[in-house]
């Protein structure tokens, strides 16, 4: 497996806005395509419409609208058919199939929607120049043709992208920014992607204020803005500079648990003691 990923080529495909994509792409035909559940850990739920059930190894997501949700401390790996690659879905993440199609010229189109949480992709070089694998979020789109990258999505839609190998094109508001290996960027809802900066993989939590106010506690601090911050297992939004100012119920033991996760999935756990 290690040797297989080592053969990844650095191939990038630019993203297109949905309106242009509909006009430019050839007619598509549906095929027997799927995402296969591998290595589910903890509470991972499959849902479609009003029905839901726990996933099991070997289960396939084959239709538009098929959704995977991971709970706290849970995760799952999804294999893209035809050995295209792997999608590692972290805890507290919701992923929905938007397109699993084959065009009339044999191109493979895989579009996945992530409304919140974190995913990591390992995608082999695609043999057809019109094939694509894309992660869509409320803020924008990230897509590749052969690389390893991660995407984090905060509850307010902000999208952080970190690229480990290859190159990723992030697109929003009619603009595209290339995120090469060893770089990261941030896309805020309603804004174009930020310029790419060197990949930090910085899980530091800088707390400037931890103050008890009766039965509540106020926590003020900063994290890298591309990261996901959990406070007592609940996702929190941070601003474009990574700053947060939240007030939560004060636990009886006066201990607050915080978790910081990068787009590539590096995680750090903190325990804050309220004085």
C-alpha atoms as a PDB file:
ATOM      1  CA  UNK A   1       0.000   0.000   0.000  1.00  0.00           C
ATOM      2  CA  UNK A   2       2.845   2.385   0.898  1.00  0.00           C
ATOM      3  CA  UNK A   3       4.509   1.770  -2.439  1.00  0.00           C
ATOM      4  CA  UNK A   4       1.235   2.389  -4.263  1.00  0.00           C
ATOM      5  CA  UNK A   5       0.848   5.847  -2.723  1.00  0.00           C
ATOM      6  CA  UNK A   6       4.522   6.610  -3.322  1.00  0.00           C
ATOM      7  CA  UNK A   7       3.798   6.443  -7.039  1.00  0.00           C
ATOM      8  CA  UNK A   8       1.408   9.372  -6.967  1.00  0.00           C
ATOM      9  CA  UNK A   9       2.061  11.919  -9.712  1.00  0.00           C
ATOM     10  CA  UNK A  10       1.701  15.638  -9.134  1.00  0.00           C
ATOM     11  CA  UNK A  11      -1.215  16.327 -11.427  1.00  0.00           C
ATOM     12  CA  UNK A  12      -3.669  19.152 -10.835  1.00  0.00           C
ATOM     13  CA  UNK A  13      -6.926  19.974 -12.466  1.00  0.00           C
ATOM     14  CA  UNK A  14      -8.510  23.403 -12.110  1.00  0.00           C
ATOM     15  CA  UNK A  15     -11.956  23.623 -10.643  1.00  0.00           C
ATOM     16  CA  UNK A  16     -14.889  25.073 -12.516  1.00  0.00           C
ATOM     17  CA  UNK A  17     -17.919  26.884 -11.167  1.00  0.00           C
ATOM     18  CA  UNK A  18     -21.049  24.761 -11.367  1.00  0.00           C
ATOM     19  CA  UNK A  19     -22.717  26.915 -14.014  1.00  0.00           C
ATOM     20  CA  UNK A  20     -19.732  26.649 -16.353  1.00  0.00           C
ATOM     21  CA  UNK A  21     -19.351  22.952 -15.647  1.00  0.00           C
ATOM     22  CA  UNK A  22     -22.879  22.230 -16.790  1.00  0.00           C
ATOM     23  CA  UNK A  23     -22.274  24.063 -20.039  1.00  0.00           C
ATOM     24  CA  UNK A  24     -18.799  22.706 -20.790  1.00  0.00           C
ATOM     25  CA  UNK A  25     -18.942  19.017 -19.916  1.00  0.00           C
ATOM     26  CA  UNK A  26     -20.140  16.319 -22.317  1.00  0.00           C
ATOM     27  CA  UNK A  27     -23.325  14.393 -21.662  1.00  0.00           C
ATOM     28  CA  UNK A  28     -22.960  12.054 -18.677  1.00  0.00           C
ATOM     29  CA  UNK A  29     -24.337   8.600 -18.264  1.00  0.00           C
ATOM     30  CA  UNK A  30     -24.830   6.863 -14.954  1.00  0.00           C
ATOM     31  CA  UNK A  31     -22.850   3.770 -14.122  1.00  0.00           C
ATOM     32  CA  UNK A  32     -22.401   1.278 -11.339  1.00  0.00           C
ATOM     33  CA  UNK A  33     -20.158   3.452  -9.149  1.00  0.00           C
ATOM     34  CA  UNK A  34     -19.849   3.570  -5.396  1.00  0.00           C
ATOM     35  CA  UNK A  35     -17.993   4.489  -2.231  1.00  0.00           C
ATOM     36  CA  UNK A  36     -17.268   1.446  -0.067  1.00  0.00           C
ATOM     37  CA  UNK A  37     -17.153   1.553   3.724  1.00  0.00           C
ATOM     38  CA  UNK A  38     -13.832   0.385   5.151  1.00  0.00           C
ATOM     39  CA  UNK A  39     -12.521   0.474   8.712  1.00  0.00           C
ATOM     40  CA  UNK A  40     -15.513   2.025  10.518  1.00  0.00           C
ATOM     41  CA  UNK A  41     -14.656   2.976  14.097  1.00  0.00           C
ATOM     42  CA  UNK A  42     -17.211   3.958  16.715  1.00  0.00           C
ATOM     43  CA  UNK A  43     -20.598   5.445  15.865  1.00  0.00           C
ATOM     44  CA  UNK A  44     -20.807   5.960  12.105  1.00  0.00           C
ATOM     45  CA  UNK A  45     -24.281   6.450  10.616  1.00  0.00           C
ATOM     46  CA  UNK A  46     -25.491   6.043   7.034  1.00  0.00           C
ATOM     47  CA  UNK A  47     -28.596   8.010   6.075  1.00  0.00           C
ATOM     48  CA  UNK A  48     -30.713   8.716   3.041  1.00  0.00           C
ATOM     49  CA  UNK A  49     -33.867  10.769   3.313  1.00  0.00           C
ATOM     50  CA  UNK A  50     -35.657   9.827   6.518  1.00  0.00           C
ATOM     51  CA  UNK A  51     -33.946   6.459   6.970  1.00  0.00           C
ATOM     52  CA  UNK A  52     -30.683   5.831   8.823  1.00  0.00           C
ATOM     53  CA  UNK A  53     -28.656   2.903  10.132  1.00  0.00           C
ATOM     54  CA  UNK A  54     -25.193   2.125  11.502  1.00  0.00           C
ATOM     55  CA  UNK A  55     -22.665   1.397   8.759  1.00  0.00           C
ATOM     56  CA  UNK A  56     -20.864  -1.900   8.383  1.00  0.00           C
ATOM     57  CA  UNK A  57     -17.723  -2.862   6.525  1.00  0.00           C
ATOM     58  CA  UNK A  58     -18.447  -3.432   2.851  1.00  0.00           C
ATOM     59  CA  UNK A  59     -21.538  -1.204   2.730  1.00  0.00           C
ATOM     60  CA  UNK A  60     -21.710   0.907  -0.432  1.00  0.00           C
ATOM     61  CA  UNK A  61     -22.863   4.460  -1.019  1.00  0.00           C
ATOM     62  CA  UNK A  62     -24.139   4.484  -4.593  1.00  0.00           C
ATOM     63  CA  UNK A  63     -26.772   7.220  -4.937  1.00  0.00           C
ATOM     64  CA  UNK A  64     -26.895  10.998  -4.821  1.00  0.00           C
ATOM     65  CA  UNK A  65     -27.916  11.982  -1.289  1.00  0.00           C
ATOM     66  CA  UNK A  66     -26.297   9.022   0.457  1.00  0.00           C
ATOM     67  CA  UNK A  67     -24.792  10.486   3.637  1.00  0.00           C
ATOM     68  CA  UNK A  68     -22.220   9.390   6.204  1.00  0.00           C
ATOM     69  CA  UNK A  69     -22.127  11.030   9.652  1.00  0.00           C
ATOM     70  CA  UNK A  70     -19.425  10.315  12.225  1.00  0.00           C
ATOM     71  CA  UNK A  71     -20.037  11.009  15.900  1.00  0.00           C
ATOM     72  CA  UNK A  72     -17.574  12.071  18.595  1.00  0.00           C
ATOM     73  CA  UNK A  73     -14.534   9.768  18.672  1.00  0.00           C
ATOM     74  CA  UNK A  74     -15.640   7.954  15.510  1.00  0.00           C
ATOM     75  CA  UNK A  75     -14.203   7.725  11.998  1.00  0.00           C
ATOM     76  CA  UNK A  76     -14.441   5.766   8.775  1.00  0.00           C
ATOM     77  CA  UNK A  77     -12.450   5.198   5.582  1.00  0.00           C
ATOM     78  CA  UNK A  78     -14.332   5.181   2.265  1.00  0.00           C
ATOM     79  CA  UNK A  79     -12.802   3.545  -0.788  1.00  0.00           C
ATOM     80  CA  UNK A  80     -13.616   5.167  -4.124  1.00  0.00           C
ATOM     81  CA  UNK A  81     -14.462   2.537  -6.737  1.00  0.00           C
ATOM     82  CA  UNK A  82     -12.008   1.553  -9.505  1.00  0.00           C
ATOM     83  CA  UNK A  83      -9.178   2.053  -6.965  1.00  0.00           C
ATOM     84  CA  UNK A  84      -9.353   5.824  -7.487  1.00  0.00           C
ATOM     85  CA  UNK A  85      -8.406   6.521  -3.873  1.00  0.00           C
ATOM     86  CA  UNK A  86      -9.449   6.762  -0.246  1.00  0.00           C
ATOM     87  CA  UNK A  87     -11.497   9.273   1.733  1.00  0.00           C
ATOM     88  CA  UNK A  88     -10.747   9.302   5.459  1.00  0.00           C
ATOM     89  CA  UNK A  89     -13.687  10.819   7.349  1.00  0.00           C
ATOM     90  CA  UNK A  90     -12.819  12.163  10.806  1.00  0.00           C
ATOM     91  CA  UNK A  91     -15.085  12.510  13.852  1.00  0.00           C
ATOM     92  CA  UNK A  92     -17.990  14.975  13.910  1.00  0.00           C
ATOM     93  CA  UNK A  93     -18.160  15.055  10.118  1.00  0.00           C
ATOM     94  CA  UNK A  94     -21.045  14.897   7.654  1.00  0.00           C
ATOM     95  CA  UNK A  95     -20.288  13.791   4.076  1.00  0.00           C
ATOM     96  CA  UNK A  96     -22.877  13.480   1.289  1.00  0.00           C
ATOM     97  CA  UNK A  97     -22.604  12.043  -2.216  1.00  0.00           C
ATOM     98  CA  UNK A  98     -23.427  14.686  -4.837  1.00  0.00           C
ATOM     99  CA  UNK A  99     -22.209  12.915  -7.962  1.00  0.00           C
ATOM    100  CA  UNK A 100     -20.844   9.462  -8.759  1.00  0.00           C
ATOM    101  CA  UNK A 101     -20.958   9.344 -12.536  1.00  0.00           C
ATOM    102  CA  UNK A 102     -19.189   8.170 -15.652  1.00  0.00           C
ATOM    103  CA  UNK A 103     -19.307  10.393 -18.724  1.00  0.00           C
ATOM    104  CA  UNK A 104     -19.994   9.097 -22.197  1.00  0.00           C
ATOM    105  CA  UNK A 105     -16.257   9.288 -22.931  1.00  0.00           C
ATOM    106  CA  UNK A 106     -15.299   7.278 -19.853  1.00  0.00           C
ATOM    107  CA  UNK A 107     -14.422  10.149 -17.525  1.00  0.00           C
ATOM    108  CA  UNK A 108     -15.163   9.605 -13.828  1.00  0.00           C
ATOM    109  CA  UNK A 109     -16.836  12.405 -11.864  1.00  0.00           C
ATOM    110  CA  UNK A 110     -16.826  12.166  -8.056  1.00  0.00           C
ATOM    111  CA  UNK A 111     -18.301  15.064  -6.079  1.00  0.00           C
ATOM    112  CA  UNK A 112     -18.698  14.910  -2.301  1.00  0.00           C
ATOM    113  CA  UNK A 113     -20.282  17.552  -0.080  1.00  0.00           C
ATOM    114  CA  UNK A 114     -18.845  18.193   3.395  1.00  0.00           C
ATOM    115  CA  UNK A 115     -21.001  20.573   5.435  1.00  0.00           C
ATOM    116  CA  UNK A 116     -18.919  20.296   8.599  1.00  0.00           C
ATOM    117  CA  UNK A 117     -15.961  18.340   9.942  1.00  0.00           C
ATOM    118  CA  UNK A 118     -12.713  17.101   8.407  1.00  0.00           C
ATOM    119  CA  UNK A 119     -11.763  14.721   5.590  1.00  0.00           C
ATOM    120  CA  UNK A 120      -8.432  13.548   4.209  1.00  0.00           C
ATOM    121  CA  UNK A 121      -8.090  12.291   0.632  1.00  0.00           C
ATOM    122  CA  UNK A 122      -5.507  10.123  -1.080  1.00  0.00           C
ATOM    123  CA  UNK A 123      -6.192  10.084  -4.812  1.00  0.00           C
ATOM    124  CA  UNK A 124      -4.150   8.323  -7.473  1.00  0.00           C
ATOM    125  CA  UNK A 125      -3.437  10.077 -10.798  1.00  0.00           C
ATOM    126  CA  UNK A 126      -6.570   9.852 -12.919  1.00  0.00           C
ATOM    127  CA  UNK A 127      -6.071   8.435 -16.398  1.00  0.00           C
ATOM    128  CA  UNK A 128      -8.782  10.483 -18.163  1.00  0.00           C
ATOM    129  CA  UNK A 129      -8.085  14.206 -18.481  1.00  0.00           C
ATOM    130  CA  UNK A 130     -11.750  15.058 -17.813  1.00  0.00           C
ATOM    131  CA  UNK A 131     -12.039  12.946 -14.655  1.00  0.00           C
ATOM    132  CA  UNK A 132     -12.181  14.755 -11.328  1.00  0.00           C
ATOM    133  CA  UNK A 133     -12.554  14.256  -7.587  1.00  0.00           C
ATOM    134  CA  UNK A 134     -13.952  17.270  -5.720  1.00  0.00           C
ATOM    135  CA  UNK A 135     -14.861  18.158  -2.167  1.00  0.00           C
ATOM    136  CA  UNK A 136     -17.567  20.823  -2.054  1.00  0.00           C
ATOM    137  CA  UNK A 137     -18.169  22.909   1.080  1.00  0.00           C
ATOM    138  CA  UNK A 138     -20.408  25.902   1.855  1.00  0.00           C
ATOM    139  CA  UNK A 139     -17.461  28.254   1.212  1.00  0.00           C
ATOM    140  CA  UNK A 140     -15.969  26.727  -1.927  1.00  0.00           C
ATOM    141  CA  UNK A 141     -14.573  23.702  -3.723  1.00  0.00           C
ATOM    142  CA  UNK A 142     -11.310  21.760  -3.498  1.00  0.00           C
ATOM    143  CA  UNK A 143     -10.385  19.311  -6.224  1.00  0.00           C
ATOM    144  CA  UNK A 144      -7.490  17.258  -7.544  1.00  0.00           C
ATOM    145  CA  UNK A 145      -6.504  14.584 -10.014  1.00  0.00           C
ATOM    146  CA  UNK A 146      -3.803  12.875  -7.984  1.00  0.00           C
ATOM    147  CA  UNK A 147      -2.643  13.972  -4.564  1.00  0.00           C
ATOM    148  CA  UNK A 148      -3.063  13.761  -0.794  1.00  0.00           C
ATOM    149  CA  UNK A 149      -4.808  16.608   0.959  1.00  0.00           C
ATOM    150  CA  UNK A 150      -7.170  17.433   3.804  1.00  0.00           C
ATOM    151  CA  UNK A 151     -10.196  19.679   4.158  1.00  0.00           C
ATOM    152  CA  UNK A 152     -11.648  21.084   7.385  1.00  0.00           C
ATOM    153  CA  UNK A 153     -15.068  22.752   7.467  1.00  0.00           C
ATOM    154  CA  UNK A 154     -16.255  24.834  10.411  1.00  0.00           C
ATOM    155  CA  UNK A 155     -19.941  25.168  11.273  1.00  0.00           C
ATOM    156  CA  UNK A 156     -20.105  28.604   9.651  1.00  0.00           C
ATOM    157  CA  UNK A 157     -18.788  27.169   6.369  1.00  0.00           C
ATOM    158  CA  UNK A 158     -15.139  28.276   6.481  1.00  0.00           C
ATOM    159  CA  UNK A 159     -12.955  25.813   4.579  1.00  0.00           C
ATOM    160  CA  UNK A 160      -9.316  25.104   5.446  1.00  0.00           C
ATOM    161  CA  UNK A 161      -7.201  23.104   2.984  1.00  0.00           C
ATOM    162  CA  UNK A 162      -3.787  21.555   3.610  1.00  0.00           C
ATOM    163  CA  UNK A 163      -1.859  19.722   0.870  1.00  0.00           C
ATOM    164  CA  UNK A 164       0.642  16.988   1.692  1.00  0.00           C
ATOM    165  CA  UNK A 165       1.433  15.763  -1.837  1.00  0.00           C
ATOM    166  CA  UNK A 166       0.575  17.041  -5.291  1.00  0.00           C
ATOM    167  CA  UNK A 167      -1.525  20.179  -5.733  1.00  0.00           C
ATOM    168  CA  UNK A 168      -5.093  21.234  -4.952  1.00  0.00           C
ATOM    169  CA  UNK A 169      -7.141  23.931  -6.641  1.00  0.00           C
ATOM    170  CA  UNK A 170      -9.482  25.809  -4.297  1.00  0.00           C
ATOM    171  CA  UNK A 171     -12.256  27.796  -5.942  1.00  0.00           C
ATOM    172  CA  UNK A 172     -14.874  30.289  -4.729  1.00  0.00           C
ATOM    173  CA  UNK A 173     -16.475  33.514  -5.933  1.00  0.00           C
ATOM    174  CA  UNK A 174     -15.106  32.999  -9.436  1.00  0.00           C
ATOM    175  CA  UNK A 175     -11.482  32.822  -8.314  1.00  0.00           C
ATOM    176  CA  UNK A 176      -9.119  29.845  -7.995  1.00  0.00           C
ATOM    177  CA  UNK A 177      -6.022  29.517  -5.812  1.00  0.00           C
ATOM    178  CA  UNK A 178      -3.556  26.663  -6.218  1.00  0.00           C
ATOM    179  CA  UNK A 179      -2.451  25.013  -2.961  1.00  0.00           C
ATOM    180  CA  UNK A 180       0.714  23.059  -3.700  1.00  0.00           C
ATOM    181  CA  UNK A 181       2.361  20.397  -1.534  1.00  0.00           C
ATOM    182  CA  UNK A 182       3.486  21.887   1.760  1.00  0.00           C
ATOM    183  CA  UNK A 183       0.971  24.754   1.670  1.00  0.00           C
ATOM    184  CA  UNK A 184      -2.452  25.592   3.131  1.00  0.00           C
ATOM    185  CA  UNK A 185      -5.168  28.203   2.667  1.00  0.00           C
ATOM    186  CA  UNK A 186      -8.524  29.354   4.002  1.00  0.00           C
ATOM    187  CA  UNK A 187     -11.785  30.085   2.202  1.00  0.00           C
ATOM    188  CA  UNK A 188     -14.478  32.092   3.991  1.00  0.00           C
ATOM    189  CA  UNK A 189     -18.116  31.935   2.933  1.00  0.00           C
ATOM    190  CA  UNK A 190     -18.816  34.679   0.389  1.00  0.00           C
ATOM    191  CA  UNK A 191     -15.135  35.458  -0.226  1.00  0.00           C
ATOM    192  CA  UNK A 192     -12.506  34.171  -2.684  1.00  0.00           C
ATOM    193  CA  UNK A 193      -9.862  31.753  -1.366  1.00  0.00           C
ATOM    194  CA  UNK A 194      -6.976  33.278   0.575  1.00  0.00           C
ATOM    195  CA  UNK A 195      -3.431  33.081  -0.839  1.00  0.00           C
ATOM    196  CA  UNK A 196      -1.633  29.832  -0.057  1.00  0.00           C
ATOM    197  CA  UNK A 197       0.877  29.952   2.801  1.00  0.00           C
ATOM    198  CA  UNK A 198       3.374  27.344   4.046  1.00  0.00           C
ATOM    199  CA  UNK A 199       1.698  24.377   5.735  1.00  0.00           C
ATOM    200  CA  UNK A 200       1.856  24.836   9.495  1.00  0.00           C
ATOM    201  CA  UNK A 201       0.158  21.744  10.949  1.00  0.00           C
ATOM    202  CA  UNK A 202      -0.047  23.917  14.044  1.00  0.00           C
ATOM    203  CA  UNK A 203      -2.284  22.453  16.754  1.00  0.00           C
ATOM    204  CA  UNK A 204      -1.449  25.059  19.393  1.00  0.00           C
ATOM    205  CA  UNK A 205      -4.292  26.437  21.489  1.00  0.00           C
ATOM    206  CA  UNK A 206      -3.463  29.898  22.852  1.00  0.00           C
ATOM    207  CA  UNK A 207      -5.849  30.816  25.671  1.00  0.00           C
ATOM    208  CA  UNK A 208      -5.728  34.469  26.720  1.00  0.00           C
ATOM    209  CA  UNK A 209      -8.712  34.375  29.082  1.00  0.00           C
ATOM    210  CA  UNK A 210     -10.356  31.615  31.111  1.00  0.00           C
ATOM    211  CA  UNK A 211     -12.820  33.265  33.448  1.00  0.00           C
ATOM    212  CA  UNK A 212     -15.628  31.822  35.556  1.00  0.00           C
ATOM    213  CA  UNK A 213     -18.791  33.905  35.535  1.00  0.00           C
ATOM    214  CA  UNK A 214     -21.243  32.321  37.949  1.00  0.00           C
ATOM    215  CA  UNK A 215     -22.324  29.023  36.398  1.00  0.00           C
ATOM    216  CA  UNK A 216     -20.578  29.792  33.117  1.00  0.00           C
ATOM    217  CA  UNK A 217     -17.024  30.138  31.880  1.00  0.00           C
ATOM    218  CA  UNK A 218     -15.725  32.510  29.216  1.00  0.00           C
ATOM    219  CA  UNK A 219     -12.865  31.263  27.030  1.00  0.00           C
ATOM    220  CA  UNK A 220     -10.958  33.605  24.743  1.00  0.00           C
ATOM    221  CA  UNK A 221      -8.027  32.581  22.591  1.00  0.00           C
ATOM    222  CA  UNK A 222      -6.649  31.732  19.156  1.00  0.00           C
ATOM    223  CA  UNK A 223      -5.877  28.739  16.954  1.00  0.00           C
ATOM    224  CA  UNK A 224      -4.685  28.467  13.370  1.00  0.00           C
ATOM    225  CA  UNK A 225      -7.802  29.607  11.431  1.00  0.00           C
ATOM    226  CA  UNK A 226      -7.719  26.568   9.106  1.00  0.00           C
ATOM    227  CA  UNK A 227      -8.154  24.240  12.091  1.00  0.00           C
ATOM    228  CA  UNK A 228     -11.247  22.807  13.728  1.00  0.00           C
ATOM    229  CA  UNK A 229     -11.750  23.626  17.409  1.00  0.00           C
ATOM    230  CA  UNK A 230     -13.899  21.501  19.718  1.00  0.00           C
ATOM    231  CA  UNK A 231     -14.766  22.666  23.232  1.00  0.00           C
ATOM    232  CA  UNK A 232     -16.286  19.921  25.379  1.00  0.00           C
ATOM    233  CA  UNK A 233     -16.835  17.940  22.154  1.00  0.00           C
ATOM    234  CA  UNK A 234     -18.806  20.775  20.500  1.00  0.00           C
ATOM    235  CA  UNK A 235     -17.482  22.440  17.300  1.00  0.00           C
ATOM    236  CA  UNK A 236     -16.685  26.139  17.657  1.00  0.00           C
ATOM    237  CA  UNK A 237     -16.269  28.825  15.000  1.00  0.00           C
ATOM    238  CA  UNK A 238     -13.146  30.989  14.859  1.00  0.00           C
ATOM    239  CA  UNK A 239     -12.703  34.178  12.850  1.00  0.00           C
ATOM    240  CA  UNK A 240     -10.368  34.702   9.896  1.00  0.00           C
ATOM    241  CA  UNK A 241      -7.478  35.295  12.320  1.00  0.00           C
ATOM    242  CA  UNK A 242      -8.277  32.183  14.371  1.00  0.00           C
ATOM    243  CA  UNK A 243      -9.675  34.125  17.336  1.00  0.00           C
ATOM    244  CA  UNK A 244     -12.595  32.804  19.394  1.00  0.00           C
ATOM    245  CA  UNK A 245     -14.588  34.150  22.324  1.00  0.00           C
ATOM    246  CA  UNK A 246     -17.100  31.668  23.712  1.00  0.00           C
ATOM    247  CA  UNK A 247     -19.109  31.197  26.879  1.00  0.00           C
ATOM    248  CA  UNK A 248     -20.214  27.739  27.968  1.00  0.00           C
ATOM    249  CA  UNK A 249     -21.683  26.153  31.124  1.00  0.00           C
ATOM    250  CA  UNK A 250     -19.054  25.690  33.824  1.00  0.00           C
ATOM    251  CA  UNK A 251     -18.468  21.948  34.449  1.00  0.00           C
ATOM    252  CA  UNK A 252     -18.822  20.821  38.051  1.00  0.00           C
ATOM    253  CA  UNK A 253     -15.188  19.682  38.097  1.00  0.00           C
ATOM    254  CA  UNK A 254     -14.107  23.031  36.555  1.00  0.00           C
ATOM    255  CA  UNK A 255     -12.284  21.228  33.760  1.00  0.00           C
ATOM    256  CA  UNK A 256     -12.891  22.086  30.094  1.00  0.00           C
ATOM    257  CA  UNK A 257     -11.743  19.753  27.319  1.00  0.00           C
ATOM    258  CA  UNK A 258     -10.527  21.281  24.048  1.00  0.00           C
ATOM    259  CA  UNK A 259      -9.418  19.574  20.824  1.00  0.00           C
ATOM    260  CA  UNK A 260      -7.613  21.201  17.906  1.00  0.00           C
ATOM    261  CA  UNK A 261      -7.482  19.376  14.538  1.00  0.00           C
ATOM    262  CA  UNK A 262      -5.715  20.417  11.328  1.00  0.00           C
ATOM    263  CA  UNK A 263      -7.078  19.850   7.797  1.00  0.00           C
ATOM    264  CA  UNK A 264      -4.678  16.907   7.435  1.00  0.00           C
ATOM    265  CA  UNK A 265      -6.031  15.329  10.619  1.00  0.00           C
ATOM    266  CA  UNK A 266      -3.276  16.081  13.138  1.00  0.00           C
ATOM    267  CA  UNK A 267      -4.972  16.418  16.521  1.00  0.00           C
ATOM    268  CA  UNK A 268      -4.078  17.772  19.964  1.00  0.00           C
ATOM    269  CA  UNK A 269      -6.153  17.395  23.145  1.00  0.00           C
ATOM    270  CA  UNK A 270      -6.085  20.008  25.915  1.00  0.00           C
ATOM    271  CA  UNK A 271      -7.580  20.143  29.406  1.00  0.00           C
ATOM    272  CA  UNK A 272      -8.265  23.622  30.701  1.00  0.00           C
ATOM    273  CA  UNK A 273      -8.556  24.093  34.459  1.00  0.00           C
ATOM    274  CA  UNK A 274     -10.876  26.964  35.359  1.00  0.00           C
ATOM    275  CA  UNK A 275      -9.429  28.889  38.362  1.00  0.00           C
END
